């Protein structure tokens, strides 16, 4: 089956790409090649890299950037926004419910063990209501496309979703390289995201905070794979970038060390996992977090974004129940459907997956970044056999999905344009209202035929254009 080509249909440019195609046809290929080289130099000079764990050579890698934009019509985007808003509303309601009355479990819509036996569920959050009642302040919703009107949610990212800095840098780089293009094609802006993020965080300040809140970004440090993004967002918002040793609890509040002494923090955008947040509550060996911060949080004296315990909504076993979750909390069918999913914890599903392993994609329920997964059609007999043994040993650890025919967008190669598979991660801000910048991070599988778009697995990124139509 030929994948859906987002740029061309029947040999002609699709409507969203018409203006771009006319511009492209007039370009000198040598000029475009030079522009692609210029983009790489810009990214290298700016320091837009990510860390690769477990590799001694080239531990810091440049994220490949492709100069051919991914273009989405305004009509397509408006439909996506409706589905994304519905989904994040349901996710937030779900988190509120499971840490309080657990009505969805009482109604029998989810099995209790999927919550009680889930390592991402935090008993310490039971009965705790975050300031403003918001759990998922920043969410990345990964969306794939298989046809003209066929969009699916591949996964939800509500712990510490990353990639928004690349979305912003991709746009800035494209505007530097091709300013004339943005005069010919009406593209909605994304550069106001840091301002929207700051507004959104300000709106969920603790109830006892008077005036403008003090906001800070908590990073694990420069060794983290997303450190560039942590520093970038702190700088763009005009707030402090802090590490655990910079913070302490003072008079019932979290405070950061400054040259004038310790200053109270009201809202902490944390980019460290729950386990490392508070060594007095979670991992005692953590030096990344703040001893006592959970006591401050439970007292309502600080907002932590995202709220502790949101990681359970990233769980791929929970993902498989999202159609039921959306309908339970919104009263409507999901606008954006899930990818069909088999839960390997269920004997019948496990039997099916084992019998069709060479046709499926199998993922760890807590996995991310493309690690720990099997792409059946691309696996050898030896790899299939080894993975089957893993499935039999720990079936609850896996879900399986069909190998989708993901849509393609062209990339620039030495021989011209060539199709490559893509996905899309829009970024959603939730506080007093839902804010979504038009676009997101398009990740592209640079290897011919590959379905794995993650940067850690050799993928790259594109600028995502939503048209003003």
Protein backbone atom coordinates (compact mmCIF):
# COMPACT_ATOMS: atom_id res chain seq x y z
CA UNK A 1 0.00 0.00 0.00
CA UNK A 2 1.39 3.37 -1.05
CA UNK A 3 1.53 5.82 1.90
CA UNK A 4 -0.50 9.02 1.72
CA UNK A 5 1.68 11.81 0.29
CA UNK A 6 0.85 15.05 2.10
CA UNK A 7 2.43 17.19 -0.64
CA UNK A 8 1.07 15.60 -3.81
CA UNK A 9 -2.15 13.87 -4.82
CA UNK A 10 -2.41 12.28 -8.25
CA UNK A 11 0.83 13.93 -9.34
CA UNK A 12 -0.44 17.42 -8.47
CA UNK A 13 0.33 19.53 -5.42
CA UNK A 14 -2.37 19.21 -2.75
CA UNK A 15 -4.16 22.47 -1.92
CA UNK A 16 -2.07 23.33 1.18
CA UNK A 17 1.14 22.97 -0.87
CA UNK A 18 0.13 24.85 -4.04
CA UNK A 19 1.86 28.15 -3.22
CA UNK A 20 4.93 26.35 -1.87
CA UNK A 21 5.14 24.14 -4.99
CA UNK A 22 5.05 27.18 -7.29
CA UNK A 23 7.86 28.75 -5.28
CA UNK A 24 9.87 25.51 -5.20
CA UNK A 25 9.63 25.01 -8.98
CA UNK A 26 11.38 28.35 -9.50
CA UNK A 27 14.32 27.53 -7.20
CA UNK A 28 17.87 26.60 -8.22
CA UNK A 29 18.68 23.19 -6.63
CA UNK A 30 22.21 24.43 -5.84
CA UNK A 31 20.75 27.36 -3.88
CA UNK A 32 18.52 25.02 -1.89
CA UNK A 33 21.47 22.74 -1.12
CA UNK A 34 23.41 25.75 0.15
CA UNK A 35 20.44 26.81 2.29
CA UNK A 36 20.30 23.32 3.82
CA UNK A 37 24.00 23.60 4.69
CA UNK A 38 23.36 27.07 6.14
CA UNK A 39 20.61 25.63 8.35
CA UNK A 40 22.99 23.02 9.74
CA UNK A 41 25.53 25.73 10.55
CA UNK A 42 22.84 27.79 12.31
CA UNK A 43 21.83 24.82 14.47
CA UNK A 44 25.45 23.99 15.28
CA UNK A 45 26.24 27.59 16.18
CA UNK A 46 23.13 27.89 18.34
CA UNK A 47 23.98 24.66 20.15
CA UNK A 48 20.74 22.88 19.30
CA UNK A 49 21.79 19.38 20.31
CA UNK A 50 20.49 16.46 22.33
CA UNK A 51 22.37 13.99 24.48
CA UNK A 52 22.53 10.32 23.53
CA UNK A 53 22.75 8.10 26.59
CA UNK A 54 25.01 5.08 26.58
CA UNK A 55 27.14 6.25 23.66
CA UNK A 56 30.63 7.42 24.44
CA UNK A 57 31.24 8.78 20.97
CA UNK A 58 29.27 11.83 19.91
CA UNK A 59 27.31 12.00 23.17
CA UNK A 60 26.02 15.37 21.94
CA UNK A 61 24.33 15.16 18.55
CA UNK A 62 22.97 17.77 16.20
CA UNK A 63 19.30 17.21 15.47
CA UNK A 64 18.96 16.91 11.68
CA UNK A 65 16.71 19.61 10.21
CA UNK A 66 15.03 19.40 6.82
CA UNK A 67 14.25 22.62 4.94
CA UNK A 68 11.05 21.38 3.24
CA UNK A 69 8.17 22.42 5.53
CA UNK A 70 5.26 20.21 6.51
CA UNK A 71 2.11 22.18 5.58
CA UNK A 72 -1.33 21.76 7.14
CA UNK A 73 -4.42 23.63 5.98
CA UNK A 74 -6.36 25.80 8.39
CA UNK A 75 -9.38 23.50 7.99
CA UNK A 76 -7.32 20.42 8.90
CA UNK A 77 -5.82 22.22 11.87
CA UNK A 78 -9.19 23.35 13.25
CA UNK A 79 -10.37 19.75 13.27
CA UNK A 80 -7.19 18.65 15.04
CA UNK A 81 -7.62 21.39 17.65
CA UNK A 82 -11.14 20.20 18.46
CA UNK A 83 -9.88 16.66 19.01
CA UNK A 84 -6.82 17.73 21.00
CA UNK A 85 -8.83 20.00 23.32
CA UNK A 86 -11.34 17.21 23.96
CA UNK A 87 -8.52 14.79 24.73
CA UNK A 88 -6.60 16.98 27.19
CA UNK A 89 -9.84 17.88 28.99
CA UNK A 90 -10.54 14.16 29.39
CA UNK A 91 -6.98 13.47 30.57
CA UNK A 92 -7.17 16.18 33.22
CA UNK A 93 -10.58 14.93 34.40
CA UNK A 94 -9.23 11.37 34.50
CA UNK A 95 -6.28 12.39 36.70
CA UNK A 96 -8.55 14.37 39.02
CA UNK A 97 -10.82 11.33 39.31
CA UNK A 98 -8.27 8.59 39.92
CA UNK A 99 -6.61 10.60 42.69
CA UNK A 100 -9.97 11.34 44.34
CA UNK A 101 -13.33 9.53 43.93
CA UNK A 102 -12.25 7.04 41.24
CA UNK A 103 -15.67 7.10 39.63
CA UNK A 104 -14.37 5.55 36.41
CA UNK A 105 -13.23 2.50 38.38
CA UNK A 106 -16.51 2.31 40.30
CA UNK A 107 -18.34 2.37 36.97
CA UNK A 108 -16.26 -0.57 35.74
CA UNK A 109 -14.98 1.30 32.69
CA UNK A 110 -11.35 0.55 33.64
CA UNK A 111 -10.00 -2.45 35.56
CA UNK A 112 -8.80 -1.46 39.04
CA UNK A 113 -5.50 -3.24 38.65
CA UNK A 114 -4.51 -1.02 35.72
CA UNK A 115 -4.33 1.80 38.28
CA UNK A 116 -3.38 0.03 41.52
CA UNK A 117 -0.58 -2.01 39.93
CA UNK A 118 0.75 0.86 37.83
CA UNK A 119 4.18 2.15 38.83
CA UNK A 120 3.30 5.61 37.48
CA UNK A 121 0.36 5.96 39.89
CA UNK A 122 1.42 7.98 42.94
CA UNK A 123 -0.47 7.10 46.15
CA UNK A 124 1.08 10.27 47.61
CA UNK A 125 -1.21 12.29 45.31
CA UNK A 126 -4.45 10.74 46.55
CA UNK A 127 -6.66 13.54 47.89
CA UNK A 128 -4.23 16.27 46.73
CA UNK A 129 -5.82 18.90 44.50
CA UNK A 130 -3.32 21.02 42.51
CA UNK A 131 -3.75 24.81 42.39
CA UNK A 132 -6.46 25.60 39.86
CA UNK A 133 -7.33 21.91 39.64
CA UNK A 134 -4.91 21.47 36.71
CA UNK A 135 -2.72 18.37 36.40
CA UNK A 136 -1.56 18.45 32.78
CA UNK A 137 -0.27 22.01 32.34
CA UNK A 138 1.88 21.13 29.31
CA UNK A 139 0.97 18.18 27.10
CA UNK A 140 2.43 16.87 23.85
CA UNK A 141 -0.07 14.83 21.82
CA UNK A 142 1.61 12.69 19.15
CA UNK A 143 -0.53 12.47 16.02
CA UNK A 144 -0.07 10.37 12.89
CA UNK A 145 -1.88 10.49 9.58
CA UNK A 146 -2.75 7.68 7.17
CA UNK A 147 -5.00 9.44 4.65
CA UNK A 148 -6.61 12.68 3.53
CA UNK A 149 -8.88 12.85 6.58
CA UNK A 150 -7.45 10.05 8.71
CA UNK A 151 -5.65 11.30 11.83
CA UNK A 152 -4.88 9.13 14.87
CA UNK A 153 -3.40 9.83 18.30
CA UNK A 154 -0.32 7.66 18.67
CA UNK A 155 0.43 8.55 22.29
CA UNK A 156 0.00 11.18 24.99
CA UNK A 157 2.97 12.90 26.67
CA UNK A 158 1.99 14.50 29.96
CA UNK A 159 5.00 13.95 32.22
CA UNK A 160 7.65 16.26 30.83
CA UNK A 161 6.95 16.56 27.08
CA UNK A 162 9.92 17.90 25.14
CA UNK A 163 10.56 19.29 21.67
CA UNK A 164 8.90 22.70 21.76
CA UNK A 165 12.25 24.52 21.53
CA UNK A 166 12.94 22.72 18.24
CA UNK A 167 9.54 23.82 16.95
CA UNK A 168 10.50 27.43 17.69
CA UNK A 169 14.05 27.20 16.36
CA UNK A 170 12.85 25.45 13.20
CA UNK A 171 10.53 28.37 12.46
CA UNK A 172 13.15 31.01 13.19
CA UNK A 173 15.66 29.24 10.97
CA UNK A 174 13.18 28.97 8.08
CA UNK A 175 12.31 32.65 8.36
CA UNK A 176 16.02 33.53 8.21
CA UNK A 177 16.68 31.27 5.21
CA UNK A 178 13.54 31.96 3.15
CA UNK A 179 11.99 35.30 4.19
CA UNK A 180 10.35 35.66 0.77
CA UNK A 181 8.42 32.43 1.30
CA UNK A 182 6.60 33.82 4.31
CA UNK A 183 5.45 36.76 2.18
CA UNK A 184 3.98 34.39 -0.41
CA UNK A 185 2.48 31.77 1.92
CA UNK A 186 0.26 32.87 4.81
CA UNK A 187 1.58 30.87 7.76
CA UNK A 188 0.20 31.24 11.28
CA UNK A 189 2.87 32.20 13.88
CA UNK A 190 4.29 29.99 16.64
CA UNK A 191 6.90 32.31 18.13
CA UNK A 192 4.51 33.52 20.85
CA UNK A 193 4.60 30.10 22.58
CA UNK A 194 6.97 31.21 25.41
CA UNK A 195 4.64 34.14 26.17
CA UNK A 196 1.63 31.82 26.21
CA UNK A 197 3.53 29.39 28.44
CA UNK A 198 4.33 32.16 30.91
CA UNK A 199 0.70 33.37 30.87
CA UNK A 200 -0.54 29.83 31.39
CA UNK A 201 1.81 29.20 34.32
CA UNK A 202 0.94 32.55 35.88
CA UNK A 203 -2.76 31.62 35.74
CA UNK A 204 -2.28 28.55 37.97
CA UNK A 205 -0.39 30.28 40.79
CA UNK A 206 -1.20 29.14 44.35
CA UNK A 207 -4.32 30.68 45.85
CA UNK A 208 -2.35 32.50 48.55
CA UNK A 209 0.00 34.13 46.03
CA UNK A 210 -0.65 37.85 45.72
CA UNK A 211 0.45 39.75 42.65
CA UNK A 212 2.54 38.32 39.81
CA UNK A 213 3.95 34.89 40.71
CA UNK A 214 7.64 34.02 40.64
CA UNK A 215 8.15 31.26 38.07
CA UNK A 216 11.23 29.06 37.64
CA UNK A 217 12.25 26.10 35.46
CA UNK A 218 13.73 23.12 37.32
CA UNK A 219 16.28 21.16 35.28
CA UNK A 220 18.26 18.02 36.20
CA UNK A 221 21.32 19.76 34.76
CA UNK A 222 23.39 20.11 31.62
CA UNK A 223 23.83 16.34 31.17
CA UNK A 224 20.11 15.90 30.47
CA UNK A 225 19.13 15.18 26.85
CA UNK A 226 16.70 18.14 26.79
CA UNK A 227 18.89 20.65 28.68
CA UNK A 228 19.05 22.96 25.67
CA UNK A 229 15.26 23.22 25.82
CA UNK A 230 15.19 23.86 29.57
CA UNK A 231 17.62 26.75 29.23
CA UNK A 232 15.92 28.03 26.08
CA UNK A 233 12.44 28.20 27.63
CA UNK A 234 13.66 29.79 30.85
CA UNK A 235 15.45 32.45 28.82
CA UNK A 236 12.47 33.05 26.51
CA UNK A 237 10.05 33.36 29.45
CA UNK A 238 12.40 35.61 31.38
CA UNK A 239 12.53 33.31 34.42
CA UNK A 240 15.30 31.59 36.36
CA UNK A 241 16.68 28.18 35.38
CA UNK A 242 17.37 26.32 38.61
CA UNK A 243 18.72 22.96 39.76
CA UNK A 244 17.87 21.05 42.91
CA UNK A 245 20.84 22.37 44.96
CA UNK A 246 19.68 25.94 44.20
CA UNK A 247 16.41 25.34 46.08
CA UNK A 248 15.36 24.76 49.65
CA UNK A 249 12.24 24.93 51.79
CA UNK A 250 12.06 28.19 53.78
CA UNK A 251 9.12 28.98 56.09
CA UNK A 252 6.79 26.55 54.33
CA UNK A 253 7.64 27.70 50.81
CA UNK A 254 10.16 26.63 48.17
CA UNK A 255 12.82 29.30 47.68
CA UNK A 256 15.73 29.72 45.29
CA UNK A 257 19.15 31.03 46.16
CA UNK A 258 19.91 34.50 44.79
CA UNK A 259 22.63 37.08 45.42
CA UNK A 260 20.18 38.81 47.77
CA UNK A 261 19.36 35.63 49.69
CA UNK A 262 16.56 33.13 49.17
CA UNK A 263 13.54 34.16 47.07
CA UNK A 264 10.18 32.38 47.18
CA UNK A 265 9.04 30.45 44.08
CA UNK A 266 5.32 30.22 43.37
CA UNK A 267 5.24 28.16 40.18
CA UNK A 268 7.86 25.54 39.31
CA UNK A 269 7.96 24.18 35.76
CA UNK A 270 9.82 20.99 36.55
CA UNK A 271 11.65 18.95 33.93
CA UNK A 272 12.62 16.08 36.21
CA UNK A 273 10.68 12.87 36.79
CA UNK A 274 8.51 12.19 39.84
CA UNK A 275 11.00 9.73 41.34
CA UNK A 276 13.63 12.46 41.71
CA UNK A 277 11.39 15.33 42.79
CA UNK A 278 11.61 14.95 46.57
CA UNK A 279 14.12 12.62 48.28
CA UNK A 280 12.02 12.72 51.47
CA UNK A 281 9.01 11.31 49.63
CA UNK A 282 10.33 9.35 46.66
CA UNK A 283 13.89 8.21 45.89
CA UNK A 284 16.04 8.97 48.91
CA UNK A 285 19.22 8.99 46.80
CA UNK A 286 18.00 11.79 44.51
CA UNK A 287 20.14 14.92 44.40
CA UNK A 288 18.08 16.46 41.59
CA UNK A 289 15.01 17.47 43.55
CA UNK A 290 14.09 19.48 46.64
CA UNK A 291 13.78 17.83 50.07
CA UNK A 292 10.33 18.66 51.45
CA UNK A 293 8.81 20.08 48.25
CA UNK A 294 5.89 17.61 48.42
CA UNK A 295 4.92 18.93 51.87
CA UNK A 296 4.90 22.46 50.44
CA UNK A 297 2.85 21.23 47.49
CA UNK A 298 0.29 19.45 49.66
CA UNK A 299 -0.07 22.64 51.69
CA UNK A 300 -0.98 24.54 48.52
CA UNK A 301 2.06 26.82 48.66
CA UNK A 302 3.56 25.99 45.26
CA UNK A 303 2.32 24.93 41.82
CA UNK A 304 4.31 22.12 40.21
CA UNK A 305 3.85 21.82 36.45
CA UNK A 306 3.14 19.19 35.46
CA UNK A 307 1.57 17.86 38.64
CA UNK A 308 3.21 14.82 40.26
CA UNK A 309 1.44 11.64 39.20
CA UNK A 310 0.50 12.79 35.70
CA UNK A 311 2.82 10.13 34.28
CA UNK A 312 0.09 7.54 34.54
CA UNK A 313 -1.67 9.22 31.60
CA UNK A 314 1.46 8.52 29.48
CA UNK A 315 1.12 4.82 30.19
CA UNK A 316 0.41 2.91 26.98
CA UNK A 317 -1.94 0.50 28.75
CA UNK A 318 -3.99 3.52 29.88
CA UNK A 319 -3.74 4.84 26.31
CA UNK A 320 -5.56 1.74 25.08
CA UNK A 321 -8.58 2.82 27.18
CA UNK A 322 -8.59 6.45 25.99
CA UNK A 323 -11.75 6.06 23.85
CA UNK A 324 -13.60 4.96 27.01
CA UNK A 325 -11.91 7.68 29.09
CA UNK A 326 -12.86 10.45 26.62
CA UNK A 327 -16.47 9.30 26.42
CA UNK A 328 -16.76 8.84 30.21
CA UNK A 329 -15.63 12.39 31.05
CA UNK A 330 -16.88 14.37 28.04
CA UNK A 331 -20.04 12.46 27.17
CA UNK A 332 -18.96 12.32 23.51
CA UNK A 333 -17.07 9.95 21.26
CA UNK A 334 -13.41 10.79 20.72
CA UNK A 335 -12.95 13.18 17.79
CA UNK A 336 -9.40 11.89 17.29
CA UNK A 337 -9.33 8.09 17.45
CA UNK A 338 -6.63 5.91 18.92
CA UNK A 339 -4.51 3.54 16.90
CA UNK A 340 -6.03 0.04 17.43
CA UNK A 341 -4.19 -1.53 20.36
CA UNK A 342 -3.81 -5.02 21.81
CA UNK A 343 -3.11 -5.24 25.54
CA UNK A 344 -0.66 -8.11 25.97
CA UNK A 345 -1.78 -8.48 29.60
CA UNK A 346 -4.95 -10.09 28.22
CA UNK A 347 -4.41 -13.78 27.26
CA UNK A 348 -6.39 -13.64 23.99
CA UNK A 349 -4.58 -10.47 22.89
CA UNK A 350 -1.19 -11.96 23.82
CA UNK A 351 -1.94 -15.06 21.77
CA UNK A 352 -2.88 -12.91 18.76
CA UNK A 353 0.25 -10.75 19.10
CA UNK A 354 2.55 -13.77 19.34
CA UNK A 355 0.93 -15.29 16.24
CA UNK A 356 1.27 -12.03 14.25
CA UNK A 357 4.48 -10.62 15.71
CA UNK A 358 6.06 -10.08 12.28
CA UNK A 359 3.17 -7.76 11.33
CA UNK A 360 2.92 -5.59 14.46
CA UNK A 361 4.67 -2.83 16.36
CA UNK A 362 5.16 -3.79 20.03
CA UNK A 363 5.93 -1.17 22.69
CA UNK A 364 6.72 -1.11 26.40
CA UNK A 365 3.85 0.44 28.36
CA UNK A 366 6.27 2.86 30.07
CA UNK A 367 8.62 3.20 27.10
CA UNK A 368 9.53 6.38 25.22
CA UNK A 369 11.97 7.67 22.66
CA UNK A 370 11.61 4.63 20.42
CA UNK A 371 13.51 2.43 22.88
CA UNK A 372 12.41 -1.06 23.89
CA UNK A 373 10.09 -1.48 20.91
CA UNK A 374 9.84 -3.99 18.08
CA UNK A 375 8.84 -3.12 14.52
CA UNK A 376 7.79 -6.58 13.38
CA UNK A 377 8.02 -6.18 9.58
CA UNK A 378 11.59 -4.86 9.90
CA UNK A 379 12.79 -7.45 12.45
CA UNK A 380 14.87 -10.55 11.77
CA UNK A 381 13.71 -14.03 12.79
CA UNK A 382 16.22 -13.94 15.63
CA UNK A 383 14.87 -10.58 16.88
CA UNK A 384 11.28 -11.83 16.64
CA UNK A 385 12.13 -14.94 18.64
CA UNK A 386 13.94 -12.96 21.34
CA UNK A 387 11.05 -10.48 21.63
CA UNK A 388 8.49 -13.28 21.82
CA UNK A 389 10.37 -14.58 24.87
CA UNK A 390 10.15 -11.10 26.47
CA UNK A 391 6.42 -11.00 25.80
CA UNK A 392 5.82 -14.38 27.40
CA UNK A 393 7.94 -13.46 30.42
CA UNK A 394 6.32 -10.03 31.06
CA UNK A 395 3.13 -9.67 29.01
CA UNK A 396 1.80 -6.81 31.18
CA UNK A 397 4.80 -4.76 30.13
CA UNK A 398 3.71 -4.50 26.48
CA UNK A 399 1.02 -3.36 24.08
CA UNK A 400 0.93 -4.00 20.33
CA UNK A 401 -0.40 -2.02 17.39
CA UNK A 402 -0.74 -2.60 13.65
CA UNK A 403 2.02 -1.28 11.42
CA UNK A 404 0.34 1.83 10.07
CA UNK A 405 1.03 3.22 6.65
CA UNK A 406 2.12 6.61 7.98
CA UNK A 407 1.81 9.62 5.71
CA UNK A 408 4.92 11.01 4.07
CA UNK A 409 6.32 14.47 3.47
CA UNK A 410 9.25 15.08 1.14
CA UNK A 411 12.73 15.82 2.42
CA UNK A 412 15.59 17.42 0.53
CA UNK A 413 18.19 14.88 -0.58
CA UNK A 414 21.19 15.09 -2.88
CA UNK A 415 18.98 13.82 -5.71
CA UNK A 416 16.03 16.10 -5.00
CA UNK A 417 12.84 15.55 -3.04
CA UNK A 418 12.19 12.11 -1.53
CA UNK A 419 9.24 10.96 0.63
CA UNK A 420 9.78 10.15 4.31
CA UNK A 421 7.35 9.19 7.09
CA UNK A 422 6.35 11.86 9.63
CA UNK A 423 4.39 12.40 12.82
CA UNK A 424 3.28 15.58 14.60
CA UNK A 425 3.50 16.69 18.24
CA UNK A 426 1.32 19.74 18.95
CA UNK A 427 1.93 21.36 22.34
CA UNK A 428 -1.06 22.10 24.57
CA UNK A 429 -1.12 24.51 27.51
CA UNK A 430 -3.84 24.09 30.14
CA UNK A 431 -4.66 26.53 32.95
CA UNK A 432 -7.56 29.00 33.04
CA UNK A 433 -8.15 27.94 29.44
CA UNK A 434 -6.56 25.75 26.78
CA UNK A 435 -3.92 27.36 24.58
CA UNK A 436 -2.46 25.66 21.48
CA UNK A 437 -0.05 27.34 19.08
CA UNK A 438 -0.85 26.52 15.44
CA UNK A 439 1.56 23.79 14.47
CA UNK A 440 3.89 21.71 16.56
CA UNK A 441 6.98 19.61 16.10
CA UNK A 442 7.02 17.49 12.96
CA UNK A 443 9.44 14.61 13.37
CA UNK A 444 10.63 12.83 10.25
CA UNK A 445 12.21 9.42 9.72
CA UNK A 446 15.22 10.32 7.58
CA UNK A 447 16.02 6.71 6.67
CA UNK A 448 14.15 5.49 3.59
CA UNK A 449 11.23 3.27 4.60
CA UNK A 450 11.78 3.77 8.35
CA UNK A 451 8.77 4.39 10.58
CA UNK A 452 10.84 5.49 13.61
CA UNK A 453 10.90 9.29 13.79
CA UNK A 454 12.57 9.76 17.20
CA UNK A 455 15.74 11.87 17.14
CA UNK A 456 17.47 9.33 19.38
CA UNK A 457 16.82 6.73 16.67
CA UNK A 458 18.10 8.75 13.71
CA UNK A 459 15.07 10.95 12.98
CA UNK A 460 15.04 14.65 12.20
CA UNK A 461 12.62 17.57 12.35
CA UNK A 462 10.77 19.94 10.02
CA UNK A 463 9.09 23.30 10.39
CA UNK A 464 5.31 22.81 10.62
CA UNK A 465 3.18 25.36 8.79
CA UNK A 466 -0.50 25.87 9.55
CA UNK A 467 -2.05 28.05 6.87
CA UNK A 468 -4.11 31.14 7.67
CA UNK A 469 -7.15 30.22 5.59
